[in-house]
Structure formats: C-alpha cells, structure tokens
Amino acid sequence: MCKIFCNFAPAIERTRLFMETLLKNLGIIILLLGVVCLVIYKFACPSNALLIVSIALEIAGIISYIVINRRRD
C-alpha cells in the first residue's frame, strides 16, 4: 500500500510548492487583473463599471499582498 502512495510523493511536493508560490504572488496577480481592466477601459469600452471593478481589484490586491506576506514571515 505504501508503494502506491510513495510514488505520488514527488508530485504532491511539486504541487504544494506551486500552490505556495501562487499564494505568495496572489496579491500581485490581483493587481495585474486590475491593470488589465484599466487597459480595457482605455482602449475598448469606456464604462464606469470597469473603473469600479478595477479599483476594487487594486484595493483587494494591495490588501491581500500585505496580509499574505505579513502572515508568511
């Protein structure tokens, strides 16, 4: 039984490291989504809804970046 699960150990470790890296960079990813919303606003369709979504993403990205990285240290 152990041989079956021991074969998956490297894959589980890689997945864990990937998820930790993704969590560490989650705030930056959210900030970039806010920037993408602003670019769409500028070039595609000027709508106030995009501005509201982008500012919400920017604020959420900054807060999540601070909270996650403070908790990890």
PDB file of N, CA and C in Angstrom:
ATOM      1  N   MET A   1       0.823  -1.190   0.000  1.00  0.00           N
ATOM      2  CA  MET A   1       0.000   0.000   0.000  1.00  0.00           C
ATOM      3  C   MET A   1       0.872   1.261   0.000  1.00  0.00           C
ATOM      4  N   CYS A   2       1.958   1.234   0.738  1.00  0.00           N
ATOM      5  CA  CYS A   2       2.821   2.409   0.811  1.00  0.00           C
ATOM      6  C   CYS A   2       3.495   2.680  -0.528  1.00  0.00           C
ATOM      7  N   LYS A   3       3.807   1.622  -1.295  1.00  0.00           N
ATOM      8  CA  LYS A   3       4.461   1.834  -2.574  1.00  0.00           C
ATOM      9  C   LYS A   3       3.566   2.612  -3.535  1.00  0.00           C
ATOM     10  N   ILE A   4       2.281   2.419  -3.422  1.00  0.00           N
ATOM     11  CA  ILE A   4       1.364   3.139  -4.304  1.00  0.00           C
ATOM     12  C   ILE A   4       1.403   4.633  -3.989  1.00  0.00           C
ATOM     13  N   PHE A   5       1.323   4.991  -2.728  1.00  0.00           N
ATOM     14  CA  PHE A   5       1.289   6.397  -2.344  1.00  0.00           C
ATOM     15  C   PHE A   5       2.670   7.035  -2.354  1.00  0.00           C
ATOM     16  N   CYS A   6       3.725   6.270  -2.171  1.00  0.00           N
ATOM     17  CA  CYS A   6       5.072   6.825  -2.195  1.00  0.00           C
ATOM     18  C   CYS A   6       5.461   7.290  -3.596  1.00  0.00           C
ATOM     19  N   ASN A   7       4.877   6.688  -4.622  1.00  0.00           N
ATOM     20  CA  ASN A   7       5.165   7.124  -5.985  1.00  0.00           C
ATOM     21  C   ASN A   7       4.604   8.513  -6.258  1.00  0.00           C
ATOM     22  N   PHE A   8       3.564   8.897  -5.548  1.00  0.00           N
ATOM     23  CA  PHE A   8       2.954  10.209  -5.742  1.00  0.00           C
ATOM     24  C   PHE A   8       3.593  11.301  -4.888  1.00  0.00           C
ATOM     25  N   ALA A   9       4.507  10.962  -4.018  1.00  0.00           N
ATOM     26  CA  ALA A   9       5.100  11.942  -3.106  1.00  0.00           C
ATOM     27  C   ALA A   9       5.800  13.079  -3.838  1.00  0.00           C
ATOM     28  N   PRO A  10       6.636  12.837  -4.872  1.00  0.00           N
ATOM     29  CA  PRO A  10       7.252  13.976  -5.568  1.00  0.00           C
ATOM     30  C   PRO A  10       6.224  14.879  -6.243  1.00  0.00           C
ATOM     31  N   ALA A  11       5.175  14.299  -6.804  1.00  0.00           N
ATOM     32  CA  ALA A  11       4.146  15.109  -7.454  1.00  0.00           C
ATOM     33  C   ALA A  11       3.395  15.953  -6.427  1.00  0.00           C
ATOM     34  N   ILE A  12       3.136  15.385  -5.278  1.00  0.00           N
ATOM     35  CA  ILE A  12       2.447  16.131  -4.217  1.00  0.00           C
ATOM     36  C   ILE A  12       3.332  17.271  -3.719  1.00  0.00           C
ATOM     37  N   GLU A  13       4.625  17.023  -3.603  1.00  0.00           N
ATOM     38  CA  GLU A  13       5.557  18.067  -3.153  1.00  0.00           C
ATOM     39  C   GLU A  13       5.633  19.200  -4.181  1.00  0.00           C
ATOM     40  N   ARG A  14       5.676  18.847  -5.462  1.00  0.00           N
ATOM     41  CA  ARG A  14       5.701  19.879  -6.509  1.00  0.00           C
ATOM     42  C   ARG A  14       4.420  20.695  -6.488  1.00  0.00           C
ATOM     43  N   THR A  15       3.294  20.034  -6.285  1.00  0.00           N
ATOM     44  CA  THR A  15       2.016  20.739  -6.225  1.00  0.00           C
ATOM     45  C   THR A  15       1.963  21.666  -5.026  1.00  0.00           C
ATOM     46  N   ARG A  16       2.482  21.214  -3.892  1.00  0.00           N
ATOM     47  CA  ARG A  16       2.499  22.052  -2.691  1.00  0.00           C
ATOM     48  C   ARG A  16       3.370  23.283  -2.905  1.00  0.00           C
ATOM     49  N   LEU A  17       4.540  23.109  -3.521  1.00  0.00           N
ATOM     50  CA  LEU A  17       5.422  24.241  -3.780  1.00  0.00           C
ATOM     51  C   LEU A  17       4.787  25.216  -4.771  1.00  0.00           C
ATOM     52  N   PHE A  18       4.099  24.676  -5.783  1.00  0.00           N
ATOM     53  CA  PHE A  18       3.414  25.534  -6.744  1.00  0.00           C
ATOM     54  C   PHE A  18       2.321  26.350  -6.071  1.00  0.00           C
ATOM     55  N   MET A  19       1.549  25.712  -5.209  1.00  0.00           N
ATOM     56  CA  MET A  19       0.469  26.421  -4.520  1.00  0.00           C
ATOM     57  C   MET A  19       1.008  27.470  -3.561  1.00  0.00           C
ATOM     58  N   GLU A  20       2.125  27.187  -2.894  1.00  0.00           N
ATOM     59  CA  GLU A  20       2.731  28.187  -2.003  1.00  0.00           C
ATOM     60  C   GLU A  20       3.217  29.390  -2.806  1.00  0.00           C
ATOM     61  N   THR A  21       3.823  29.134  -3.958  1.00  0.00           N
ATOM     62  CA  THR A  21       4.286  30.230  -4.804  1.00  0.00           C
ATOM     63  C   THR A  21       3.115  31.036  -5.325  1.00  0.00           C
ATOM     64  N   LEU A  22       2.055  30.345  -5.731  1.00  0.00           N
ATOM     65  CA  LEU A  22       0.868  31.038  -6.217  1.00  0.00           C
ATOM     66  C   LEU A  22       0.241  31.888  -5.118  1.00  0.00           C
ATOM     67  N   LEU A  23       0.177  31.368  -3.918  1.00  0.00           N
ATOM     68  CA  LEU A  23      -0.386  32.124  -2.803  1.00  0.00           C
ATOM     69  C   LEU A  23       0.480  33.337  -2.484  1.00  0.00           C
ATOM     70  N   LYS A  24       1.802  33.170  -2.559  1.00  0.00           N
ATOM     71  CA  LYS A  24       2.707  34.281  -2.281  1.00  0.00           C
ATOM     72  C   LYS A  24       2.508  35.409  -3.287  1.00  0.00           C
ATOM     73  N   ASN A  25       2.209  35.071  -4.535  1.00  0.00           N
ATOM     74  CA  ASN A  25       2.065  36.072  -5.590  1.00  0.00           C
ATOM     75  C   ASN A  25       0.616  36.420  -5.904  1.00  0.00           C
ATOM     76  N   LEU A  26      -0.314  35.990  -5.089  1.00  0.00           N
ATOM     77  CA  LEU A  26      -1.730  36.218  -5.362  1.00  0.00           C
ATOM     78  C   LEU A  26      -2.076  37.706  -5.399  1.00  0.00           C
ATOM     79  N   GLY A  27      -1.511  38.486  -4.501  1.00  0.00           N
ATOM     80  CA  GLY A  27      -1.781  39.919  -4.478  1.00  0.00           C
ATOM     81  C   GLY A  27      -1.325  40.605  -5.748  1.00  0.00           C
ATOM     82  N   ILE A  28      -0.163  40.202  -6.263  1.00  0.00           N
ATOM     83  CA  ILE A  28       0.353  40.789  -7.496  1.00  0.00           C
ATOM     84  C   ILE A  28      -0.521  40.393  -8.675  1.00  0.00           C
ATOM     85  N   ILE A  29      -1.002  39.162  -8.690  1.00  0.00           N
ATOM     86  CA  ILE A  29      -1.882  38.708  -9.768  1.00  0.00           C
ATOM     87  C   ILE A  29      -3.182  39.508  -9.767  1.00  0.00           C
ATOM     88  N   ILE A  30      -3.721  39.762  -8.592  1.00  0.00           N
ATOM     89  CA  ILE A  30      -4.954  40.552  -8.498  1.00  0.00           C
ATOM     90  C   ILE A  30      -4.706  41.982  -8.959  1.00  0.00           C
ATOM     91  N   LEU A  31      -3.553  42.544  -8.599  1.00  0.00           N
ATOM     92  CA  LEU A  31      -3.203  43.891  -9.072  1.00  0.00           C
ATOM     93  C   LEU A  31      -3.113  43.932 -10.591  1.00  0.00           C
ATOM     94  N   LEU A  32      -2.514  42.920 -11.185  1.00  0.00           N
ATOM     95  CA  LEU A  32      -2.401  42.883 -12.642  1.00  0.00           C
ATOM     96  C   LEU A  32      -3.765  42.756 -13.313  1.00  0.00           C
ATOM     97  N   LEU A  33      -4.687  42.039 -12.692  1.00  0.00           N
ATOM     98  CA  LEU A  33      -6.046  41.971 -13.230  1.00  0.00           C
ATOM     99  C   LEU A  33      -6.715  43.351 -13.207  1.00  0.00           C
ATOM    100  N   GLY A  34      -6.448  44.116 -12.162  1.00  0.00           N
ATOM    101  CA  GLY A  34      -6.966  45.481 -12.102  1.00  0.00           C
ATOM    102  C   GLY A  34      -6.385  46.349 -13.200  1.00  0.00           C
ATOM    103  N   VAL A  35      -5.097  46.169 -13.486  1.00  0.00           N
ATOM    104  CA  VAL A  35      -4.460  46.929 -14.562  1.00  0.00           C
ATOM    105  C   VAL A  35      -5.042  46.526 -15.920  1.00  0.00           C
ATOM    106  N   VAL A  36      -5.310  45.248 -16.108  1.00  0.00           N
ATOM    107  CA  VAL A  36      -5.926  44.786 -17.354  1.00  0.00           C
ATOM    108  C   VAL A  36      -7.304  45.424 -17.525  1.00  0.00           C
ATOM    109  N   CYS A  37      -8.051  45.542 -16.456  1.00  0.00           N
ATOM    110  CA  CYS A  37      -9.362  46.213 -16.533  1.00  0.00           C
ATOM    111  C   CYS A  37      -9.207  47.672 -16.949  1.00  0.00           C
ATOM    112  N   LEU A  38      -8.170  48.331 -16.447  1.00  0.00           N
ATOM    113  CA  LEU A  38      -7.943  49.723 -16.836  1.00  0.00           C
ATOM    114  C   LEU A  38      -7.544  49.839 -18.302  1.00  0.00           C
ATOM    115  N   VAL A  39      -6.759  48.898 -18.803  1.00  0.00           N
ATOM    116  CA  VAL A  39      -6.380  48.911 -20.215  1.00  0.00           C
ATOM    117  C   VAL A  39      -7.605  48.670 -21.096  1.00  0.00           C
ATOM    118  N   ILE A  40      -8.458  47.750 -20.686  1.00  0.00           N
ATOM    119  CA  ILE A  40      -9.695  47.505 -21.437  1.00  0.00           C
ATOM    120  C   ILE A  40     -10.563  48.755 -21.436  1.00  0.00           C
ATOM    121  N   TYR A  41     -10.609  49.424 -20.296  1.00  0.00           N
ATOM    122  CA  TYR A  41     -11.378  50.677 -20.208  1.00  0.00           C
ATOM    123  C   TYR A  41     -10.833  51.720 -21.178  1.00  0.00           C
ATOM    124  N   LYS A  42      -9.529  51.826 -21.237  1.00  0.00           N
ATOM    125  CA  LYS A  42      -8.914  52.862 -22.072  1.00  0.00           C
ATOM    126  C   LYS A  42      -9.120  52.606 -23.558  1.00  0.00           C
ATOM    127  N   PHE A  43      -8.945  51.365 -23.990  1.00  0.00           N
ATOM    128  CA  PHE A  43      -8.924  51.104 -25.423  1.00  0.00           C
ATOM    129  C   PHE A  43     -10.205  50.481 -25.975  1.00  0.00           C
ATOM    130  N   ALA A  44     -10.975  49.783 -25.180  1.00  0.00           N
ATOM    131  CA  ALA A  44     -12.114  49.047 -25.739  1.00  0.00           C
ATOM    132  C   ALA A  44     -13.449  49.727 -25.446  1.00  0.00           C
ATOM    133  N   CYS A  45     -13.845  49.736 -24.184  1.00  0.00           N
ATOM    134  CA  CYS A  45     -15.161  50.292 -23.878  1.00  0.00           C
ATOM    135  C   CYS A  45     -15.078  51.111 -22.588  1.00  0.00           C
ATOM    136  N   PRO A  46     -15.178  52.411 -22.713  1.00  0.00           N
ATOM    137  CA  PRO A  46     -15.165  53.247 -21.510  1.00  0.00           C
ATOM    138  C   PRO A  46     -16.477  53.138 -20.739  1.00  0.00           C
ATOM    139  N   SER A  47     -16.433  52.341 -19.690  1.00  0.00           N
ATOM    140  CA  SER A  47     -17.617  52.128 -18.869  1.00  0.00           C
ATOM    141  C   SER A  47     -17.232  52.338 -17.408  1.00  0.00           C
ATOM    142  N   ASN A  48     -18.140  52.934 -16.663  1.00  0.00           N
ATOM    143  CA  ASN A  48     -17.863  53.157 -15.251  1.00  0.00           C
ATOM    144  C   ASN A  48     -17.772  51.855 -14.469  1.00  0.00           C
ATOM    145  N   ALA A  49     -18.439  50.820 -14.940  1.00  0.00           N
ATOM    146  CA  ALA A  49     -18.380  49.528 -14.260  1.00  0.00           C
ATOM    147  C   ALA A  49     -16.954  48.979 -14.277  1.00  0.00           C
ATOM    148  N   LEU A  50     -16.245  49.155 -15.388  1.00  0.00           N
ATOM    149  CA  LEU A  50     -14.851  48.707 -15.448  1.00  0.00           C
ATOM    150  C   LEU A  50     -13.974  49.484 -14.474  1.00  0.00           C
ATOM    151  N   LEU A  51     -14.243  50.757 -14.314  1.00  0.00           N
ATOM    152  CA  LEU A  51     -13.469  51.544 -13.349  1.00  0.00           C
ATOM    153  C   LEU A  51     -13.713  51.069 -11.924  1.00  0.00           C
ATOM    154  N   ILE A  52     -14.958  50.746 -11.616  1.00  0.00           N
ATOM    155  CA  ILE A  52     -15.286  50.264 -10.275  1.00  0.00           C
ATOM    156  C   ILE A  52     -14.636  48.905 -10.024  1.00  0.00           C
ATOM    157  N   VAL A  53     -14.695  48.022 -11.014  1.00  0.00           N
ATOM    158  CA  VAL A  53     -14.081  46.705 -10.874  1.00  0.00           C
ATOM    159  C   VAL A  53     -12.570  46.834 -10.731  1.00  0.00           C
ATOM    160  N   SER A  54     -11.970  47.719 -11.510  1.00  0.00           N
ATOM    161  CA  SER A  54     -10.515  47.863 -11.452  1.00  0.00           C
ATOM    162  C   SER A  54     -10.062  48.429 -10.105  1.00  0.00           C
ATOM    163  N   ILE A  55     -10.761  49.408  -9.567  1.00  0.00           N
ATOM    164  CA  ILE A  55     -10.351  49.958  -8.269  1.00  0.00           C
ATOM    165  C   ILE A  55     -10.568  48.933  -7.161  1.00  0.00           C
ATOM    166  N   ALA A  56     -11.637  48.134  -7.274  1.00  0.00           N
ATOM    167  CA  ALA A  56     -11.859  47.081  -6.282  1.00  0.00           C
ATOM    168  C   ALA A  56     -10.744  46.035  -6.351  1.00  0.00           C
ATOM    169  N   LEU A  57     -10.335  45.663  -7.563  1.00  0.00           N
ATOM    170  CA  LEU A  57      -9.236  44.702  -7.707  1.00  0.00           C
ATOM    171  C   LEU A  57      -7.916  45.271  -7.206  1.00  0.00           C
ATOM    172  N   GLU A  58      -7.679  46.537  -7.468  1.00  0.00           N
ATOM    173  CA  GLU A  58      -6.439  47.161  -6.997  1.00  0.00           C
ATOM    174  C   GLU A  58      -6.390  47.185  -5.464  1.00  0.00           C
ATOM    175  N   ILE A  59      -7.471  47.577  -4.845  1.00  0.00           N
ATOM    176  CA  ILE A  59      -7.508  47.626  -3.378  1.00  0.00           C
ATOM    177  C   ILE A  59      -7.391  46.219  -2.792  1.00  0.00           C
ATOM    178  N   ALA A  60      -8.123  45.262  -3.371  1.00  0.00           N
ATOM    179  CA  ALA A  60      -8.048  43.885  -2.881  1.00  0.00           C
ATOM    180  C   ALA A  60      -6.653  43.308  -3.081  1.00  0.00           C
ATOM    181  N   GLY A  61      -6.006  43.638  -4.184  1.00  0.00           N
ATOM    182  CA  GLY A  61      -4.660  43.150  -4.443  1.00  0.00           C
ATOM    183  C   GLY A  61      -3.644  43.695  -3.461  1.00  0.00           C
ATOM    184  N   ILE A  62      -3.735  44.981  -3.164  1.00  0.00           N
ATOM    185  CA  ILE A  62      -2.806  45.587  -2.205  1.00  0.00           C
ATOM    186  C   ILE A  62      -3.007  45.004  -0.819  1.00  0.00           C
ATOM    187  N   ILE A  63      -4.254  44.898  -0.403  1.00  0.00           N
ATOM    188  CA  ILE A  63      -4.533  44.359   0.932  1.00  0.00           C
ATOM    189  C   ILE A  63      -4.120  42.897   1.035  1.00  0.00           C
ATOM    190  N   SER A  64      -4.446  42.099   0.019  1.00  0.00           N
ATOM    191  CA  SER A  64      -4.076  40.682   0.083  1.00  0.00           C
ATOM    192  C   SER A  64      -2.566  40.497   0.032  1.00  0.00           C
ATOM    193  N   TYR A  65      -1.866  41.319  -0.738  1.00  0.00           N
ATOM    194  CA  TYR A  65      -0.404  41.226  -0.780  1.00  0.00           C
ATOM    195  C   TYR A  65       0.192  41.506   0.595  1.00  0.00           C
ATOM    196  N   ILE A  66      -0.290  42.536   1.246  1.00  0.00           N
ATOM    197  CA  ILE A  66       0.231  42.890   2.573  1.00  0.00           C
ATOM    198  C   ILE A  66      -0.100  41.809   3.586  1.00  0.00           C
ATOM    199  N   VAL A  67      -1.347  41.368   3.614  1.00  0.00           N
ATOM    200  CA  VAL A  67      -1.773  40.390   4.618  1.00  0.00           C
ATOM    201  C   VAL A  67      -1.077  39.047   4.422  1.00  0.00           C
ATOM    202  N   ILE A  68      -1.029  38.555   3.198  1.00  0.00           N
ATOM    203  CA  ILE A  68      -0.438  37.242   2.946  1.00  0.00           C
ATOM    204  C   ILE A  68       1.056  37.248   3.247  1.00  0.00           C
ATOM    205  N   ASN A  69       1.755  38.275   2.812  1.00  0.00           N
ATOM    206  CA  ASN A  69       3.195  38.296   3.037  1.00  0.00           C
ATOM    207  C   ASN A  69       3.561  38.600   4.486  1.00  0.00           C
ATOM    208  N   ARG A  70       2.713  39.308   5.203  1.00  0.00           N
ATOM    209  CA  ARG A  70       2.960  39.517   6.623  1.00  0.00           C
ATOM    210  C   ARG A  70       2.732  38.220   7.384  1.00  0.00           C
ATOM    211  N   ARG A  71       1.731  37.453   6.980  1.00  0.00           N
ATOM    212  CA  ARG A  71       1.415  36.190   7.641  1.00  0.00           C
ATOM    213  C   ARG A  71       2.489  35.134   7.356  1.00  0.00           C
ATOM    214  N   ARG A  72       3.101  35.185   6.172  1.00  0.00           N
ATOM    215  CA  ARG A  72       4.116  34.193   5.796  1.00  0.00           C
ATOM    216  C   ARG A  72       5.434  34.449   6.507  1.00  0.00           C
ATOM    217  N   ASP A  73       5.723  35.664   6.906  1.00  0.00           N
ATOM    218  CA  ASP A  73       7.011  35.971   7.570  1.00  0.00           C
ATOM    219  C   ASP A  73       6.974  35.736   9.048  1.00  0.00           C
TER     220      ASP A  73
END
